Amino acid sequence: MKKALYEAVLRDVGRYEELARRAEGFADDELAVFFREISDENQRRADQARRLLAQRVAK
């Protein structure tokens, strides 16, 4: 269950990276930057989720 939660957060990171690449393909740099910012934030959340889940597994 905990691994599935972490994987779900990581999938979001990939989705926003794909949207950023598509925006670049349409030469929409502003939108690409926006999606990359979301992707970066989700990556930070994934890292935090991994740490929190690891703490709970260790208990």
C-alpha atoms as a PDB file:
ATOM      1  CA  MET A   1       0.000   0.000   0.000  1.00  0.00           C
ATOM      2  CA  LYS A   2       2.742   2.484   0.953  1.00  0.00           C
ATOM      3  CA  LYS A   3       4.747   1.695  -2.167  1.00  0.00           C
ATOM      4  CA  ALA A   4       1.644   2.345  -4.284  1.00  0.00           C
ATOM      5  CA  LEU A   5       1.259   5.798  -2.711  1.00  0.00           C
ATOM      6  CA  TYR A   6       4.842   6.705  -3.554  1.00  0.00           C
ATOM      7  CA  GLU A   7       4.476   5.400  -7.104  1.00  0.00           C
ATOM      8  CA  ALA A   8       1.325   7.485  -7.589  1.00  0.00           C
ATOM      9  CA  VAL A   9       3.195  10.654  -6.650  1.00  0.00           C
ATOM     10  CA  LEU A  10       6.009   9.775  -9.060  1.00  0.00           C
ATOM     11  CA  ARG A  11       3.521   9.212 -11.897  1.00  0.00           C
ATOM     12  CA  ASP A  12       2.345  12.790 -11.446  1.00  0.00           C
ATOM     13  CA  VAL A  13       5.918  13.999 -11.911  1.00  0.00           C
ATOM     14  CA  GLY A  14       6.119  12.176 -15.226  1.00  0.00           C
ATOM     15  CA  ARG A  15       2.774  13.505 -16.418  1.00  0.00           C
ATOM     16  CA  TYR A  16       3.796  17.103 -15.921  1.00  0.00           C
ATOM     17  CA  GLU A  17       7.150  16.541 -17.603  1.00  0.00           C
ATOM     18  CA  GLU A  18       5.297  15.159 -20.626  1.00  0.00           C
ATOM     19  CA  LEU A  19       2.995  18.199 -20.665  1.00  0.00           C
ATOM     20  CA  ALA A  20       6.042  20.481 -20.501  1.00  0.00           C
ATOM     21  CA  ARG A  21       7.603  18.703 -23.498  1.00  0.00           C
ATOM     22  CA  ARG A  22       4.359  19.051 -25.446  1.00  0.00           C
ATOM     23  CA  ALA A  23       4.148  22.749 -24.631  1.00  0.00           C
ATOM     24  CA  GLU A  24       7.715  23.170 -25.883  1.00  0.00           C
ATOM     25  CA  GLY A  25       6.668  21.427 -29.082  1.00  0.00           C
ATOM     26  CA  PHE A  26       4.068  24.133 -29.562  1.00  0.00           C
ATOM     27  CA  ALA A  27       6.692  26.803 -28.777  1.00  0.00           C
ATOM     28  CA  ASP A  28       4.811  27.808 -25.631  1.00  0.00           C
ATOM     29  CA  ASP A  29       7.692  28.412 -23.265  1.00  0.00           C
ATOM     30  CA  GLU A  30       5.535  30.025 -20.590  1.00  0.00           C
ATOM     31  CA  LEU A  31       3.329  26.944 -20.341  1.00  0.00           C
ATOM     32  CA  ALA A  32       6.360  24.634 -20.420  1.00  0.00           C
ATOM     33  CA  VAL A  33       7.914  26.505 -17.485  1.00  0.00           C
ATOM     34  CA  PHE A  34       4.613  26.306 -15.601  1.00  0.00           C
ATOM     35  CA  PHE A  35       4.406  22.530 -16.034  1.00  0.00           C
ATOM     36  CA  ARG A  36       8.064  22.111 -15.069  1.00  0.00           C
ATOM     37  CA  GLU A  37       7.445  24.063 -11.874  1.00  0.00           C
ATOM     38  CA  ILE A  38       4.584  21.720 -11.029  1.00  0.00           C
ATOM     39  CA  SER A  39       6.798  18.745 -11.855  1.00  0.00           C
ATOM     40  CA  ASP A  40       9.579  20.043  -9.591  1.00  0.00           C
ATOM     41  CA  GLU A  41       7.135  20.581  -6.729  1.00  0.00           C
ATOM     42  CA  ASN A  42       5.731  17.092  -7.183  1.00  0.00           C
ATOM     43  CA  GLN A  43       9.270  15.676  -7.161  1.00  0.00           C
ATOM     44  CA  ARG A  44       9.884  17.365  -3.809  1.00  0.00           C
ATOM     45  CA  ARG A  45       6.625  15.877  -2.549  1.00  0.00           C
ATOM     46  CA  ALA A  46       7.618  12.438  -3.816  1.00  0.00           C
ATOM     47  CA  ASP A  47      10.920  12.718  -1.946  1.00  0.00           C
ATOM     48  CA  GLN A  48       9.084  13.725   1.211  1.00  0.00           C
ATOM     49  CA  ALA A  49       6.590  10.871   0.762  1.00  0.00           C
ATOM     50  CA  ARG A  50       9.481   8.412   0.386  1.00  0.00           C
ATOM     51  CA  ARG A  51      11.062   9.667   3.617  1.00  0.00           C
ATOM     52  CA  LEU A  52       7.783   9.550   5.535  1.00  0.00           C
ATOM     53  CA  LEU A  53       6.952   6.078   4.275  1.00  0.00           C
ATOM     54  CA  ALA A  54      10.445   4.818   5.071  1.00  0.00           C
ATOM     55  CA  GLN A  55      10.060   6.064   8.642  1.00  0.00           C
ATOM     56  CA  ARG A  56       6.817   4.151   8.999  1.00  0.00           C
ATOM     57  CA  VAL A  57       8.292   0.954   7.584  1.00  0.00           C
ATOM     58  CA  ALA A  58      11.165   1.218  10.062  1.00  0.00           C
ATOM     59  CA  LYS A  59       8.757   1.353  13.013  1.00  0.00           C
END
